[in-house]
Amino acid sequence: MKKNAFIILVCLLGLTISNIKAQTSPATMSMPGISNPWTNSQLLEPAELAADIKAGETKTPIIFNIGAVEDIKGAIHIGAVSSAENLEKLKEAVAALSKNTAIVIYCGCCPFAKCPNIRPAFIELQKLGFTNVKLLNLSTNLKTNWIAKGYPLTKP
C-alpha cells in the first residue's frame, strides 16, 4: 500500500512539474501534434520592439494585434483571428502592403502553446507571400511579457 501511494505521489509531482514547465518554457514549446510555423529567428523580443517604439524609430514594423488584449502603442487592432471574420480583416489590412514589409503580430491572451490566434495569423501571412513577418515573443501573455515591464500601450 505504501509503495502504491509513493508511486502515485511521484507521478503527481511529475505532472505538476511538467505543467509548470509548459507555462514557463520558451516559445518554441507547442502542444503535442501541433508544430510552430515560425522559427526562433522569427521571434521578436518585447524589449527590442519597445525600444524601437519609445525611440520613435521610422523603421518600426507594422504591428497587428491579432488577439483580444490591449493594444501596444501603434498597433492596428484586428481582434482574435481564431474567428474567420477577423482573419479576413487581417487579410484586408495587409492587402495593399509590399510582400517584404516588416510586420509584427501578437496576441498575448495566453501562453503560445495554448493560443488559438497566432498560428492561423502567421500561417495566413506566409500563404499570402509575406517574407518579413515576426511574432512578438509574448510566451506567457501580454500582461507578463509587456505590461508588467512598463512597455508602451495605446492610451484609451
Protein backbone atom coordinates (compact mmCIF):
# COMPACT_ATOMS: atom_id res chain seq x y z
CA MET A 1 0.00 0.00 0.00
CA LYS A 2 2.78 2.45 0.91
CA LYS A 3 4.55 1.59 -2.36
CA ASN A 4 1.42 2.41 -4.39
CA ALA A 5 0.92 5.69 -2.55
CA PHE A 6 4.57 6.60 -3.19
CA ILE A 7 4.23 5.83 -6.92
CA ILE A 8 1.08 7.95 -7.16
CA LEU A 9 2.80 10.81 -5.34
CA VAL A 10 5.81 10.66 -7.69
CA CYS A 11 3.50 10.65 -10.75
CA LEU A 12 1.54 13.65 -9.46
CA LEU A 13 4.75 15.53 -8.74
CA GLY A 14 5.98 14.81 -12.27
CA LEU A 15 2.73 16.06 -13.79
CA THR A 16 2.87 19.23 -11.69
CA ILE A 17 6.45 19.96 -12.74
CA SER A 18 5.69 19.36 -16.43
CA ASN A 19 2.66 21.68 -16.17
CA ILE A 20 4.79 24.43 -14.60
CA LYS A 21 7.43 23.93 -17.30
CA ALA A 22 4.77 24.20 -20.01
CA GLN A 23 3.71 27.58 -18.63
CA THR A 24 7.24 28.99 -18.47
CA SER A 25 9.14 27.38 -21.32
CA PRO A 26 10.29 29.33 -24.35
CA ALA A 27 8.02 29.99 -27.27
CA THR A 28 9.32 27.00 -29.16
CA MET A 29 7.14 24.79 -26.97
CA SER A 30 3.99 23.55 -28.63
CA MET A 31 1.17 21.19 -27.94
CA PRO A 32 1.69 17.56 -28.97
CA GLY A 33 0.85 17.17 -32.64
CA ILE A 34 0.90 20.94 -33.26
CA SER A 35 4.08 22.42 -34.64
CA ASN A 36 5.02 26.07 -34.69
CA PRO A 37 5.08 27.63 -38.17
CA TRP A 38 7.72 30.15 -37.08
CA THR A 39 11.41 29.73 -36.39
CA ASN A 40 13.30 31.18 -33.44
CA SER A 41 14.72 33.84 -35.77
CA GLN A 42 11.14 34.95 -36.48
CA LEU A 43 10.53 35.76 -32.81
CA LEU A 44 10.94 39.41 -31.78
CA GLU A 45 11.79 40.11 -28.17
CA PRO A 46 9.47 42.59 -26.43
CA ALA A 47 12.37 44.77 -25.23
CA GLU A 48 13.54 45.26 -28.82
CA LEU A 49 10.13 46.34 -30.11
CA ALA A 50 9.53 48.55 -27.05
CA ALA A 51 12.87 50.31 -27.59
CA ASP A 52 12.00 50.99 -31.25
CA ILE A 53 8.59 52.37 -30.29
CA LYS A 54 9.98 54.57 -27.50
CA ALA A 55 12.74 55.90 -29.76
CA GLY A 56 10.19 56.75 -32.44
CA GLU A 57 12.09 54.65 -34.97
CA THR A 58 10.98 55.36 -38.51
CA LYS A 59 11.62 51.73 -39.37
CA THR A 60 9.25 50.40 -36.70
CA PRO A 61 7.36 47.49 -38.26
CA ILE A 62 3.62 47.47 -38.79
CA ILE A 63 2.18 45.90 -35.64
CA PHE A 64 -1.04 43.90 -35.67
CA ASN A 65 -2.93 42.91 -32.52
CA ILE A 66 -4.49 39.61 -33.57
CA GLY A 67 -5.96 38.86 -30.15
CA ALA A 68 -8.44 40.26 -27.67
CA VAL A 69 -5.95 42.11 -25.46
CA GLU A 70 -4.83 45.72 -25.06
CA ASP A 71 -3.15 47.44 -27.99
CA ILE A 72 0.57 48.02 -27.96
CA LYS A 73 1.34 51.63 -28.92
CA GLY A 74 0.96 51.96 -32.68
CA ALA A 75 -0.70 48.57 -33.16
CA ILE A 76 -3.58 48.02 -35.54
CA HIS A 77 -6.32 46.16 -33.69
CA ILE A 78 -7.63 43.23 -35.73
CA GLY A 79 -9.18 41.13 -32.99
CA ALA A 80 -8.98 37.41 -32.35
CA VAL A 81 -8.20 35.76 -35.69
CA SER A 82 -9.49 32.43 -34.45
CA SER A 83 -12.72 33.87 -35.88
CA ALA A 84 -12.96 33.76 -39.69
CA GLU A 85 -14.27 37.33 -39.71
CA ASN A 86 -11.16 38.71 -38.00
CA LEU A 87 -8.81 36.58 -40.11
CA GLU A 88 -10.47 38.20 -43.12
CA LYS A 89 -9.88 41.64 -41.51
CA LEU A 90 -6.18 40.80 -41.25
CA LYS A 91 -6.05 39.80 -44.92
CA GLU A 92 -7.76 43.07 -45.88
CA ALA A 93 -5.38 45.09 -43.67
CA VAL A 94 -2.28 43.68 -45.40
CA ALA A 95 -3.68 43.53 -48.95
CA ALA A 96 -2.01 46.74 -50.15
CA LEU A 97 1.33 46.14 -48.40
CA SER A 98 4.53 45.13 -50.13
CA LYS A 99 5.39 41.46 -49.51
CA ASN A 100 8.67 42.47 -47.81
CA THR A 101 7.01 44.90 -45.36
CA ALA A 102 8.19 44.37 -41.79
CA ILE A 103 5.17 43.01 -39.90
CA VAL A 104 4.90 42.06 -36.24
CA ILE A 105 1.91 40.13 -34.95
CA TYR A 106 0.97 39.44 -31.35
CA CYS A 107 -1.89 38.06 -29.34
CA GLY A 108 -0.85 37.81 -25.71
CA CYS A 109 -4.04 36.16 -24.46
CA CYS A 110 -2.25 33.09 -23.10
CA PRO A 111 0.95 31.02 -23.47
CA PHE A 112 1.95 30.31 -27.08
CA ALA A 113 1.24 26.60 -26.74
CA LYS A 114 -2.43 27.33 -26.00
CA CYS A 115 -3.03 30.39 -28.19
CA PRO A 116 -5.76 29.96 -30.80
CA ASN A 117 -4.75 33.10 -32.72
CA ILE A 118 -1.04 33.22 -33.50
CA ARG A 119 -0.75 30.13 -35.69
CA PRO A 120 -3.66 30.99 -38.05
CA ALA A 121 -2.40 34.56 -38.49
CA PHE A 122 1.23 33.56 -39.01
CA ILE A 123 0.31 30.82 -41.50
CA GLU A 124 -2.05 33.13 -43.40
CA LEU A 125 0.61 35.82 -43.76
CA GLN A 126 3.05 33.19 -45.06
CA LYS A 127 0.44 31.93 -47.56
CA LEU A 128 -0.06 35.49 -48.76
CA GLY A 129 3.68 35.69 -49.51
CA PHE A 130 4.89 38.00 -46.74
CA THR A 131 8.59 37.40 -46.14
CA ASN A 132 9.35 39.67 -43.17
CA VAL A 133 6.85 38.55 -40.52
CA LYS A 134 7.84 38.36 -36.86
CA LEU A 135 5.91 37.07 -33.89
CA LEU A 136 6.27 39.16 -30.74
CA ASN A 137 7.68 36.79 -28.15
CA LEU A 138 4.92 37.04 -25.54
CA SER A 139 5.47 33.46 -24.44
CA THR A 140 3.35 33.85 -21.29
CA ASN A 141 0.91 36.68 -22.06
CA LEU A 142 0.77 40.42 -22.75
CA LYS A 143 0.38 41.32 -19.09
CA THR A 144 3.52 39.45 -18.00
CA ASN A 145 5.76 39.98 -21.02
CA TRP A 146 4.79 43.58 -21.92
CA ILE A 147 2.56 45.50 -19.50
CA ALA A 148 4.39 44.48 -16.29
CA LYS A 149 7.64 45.75 -17.83
CA GLY A 150 6.18 49.19 -18.46
CA TYR A 151 6.32 48.95 -22.24
CA PRO A 152 4.10 51.39 -24.17
CA LEU A 153 0.40 50.78 -24.78
CA THR A 154 -2.11 52.81 -26.73
CA LYS A 155 -3.71 55.25 -24.35
CA PRO A 156 -7.51 54.91 -24.10
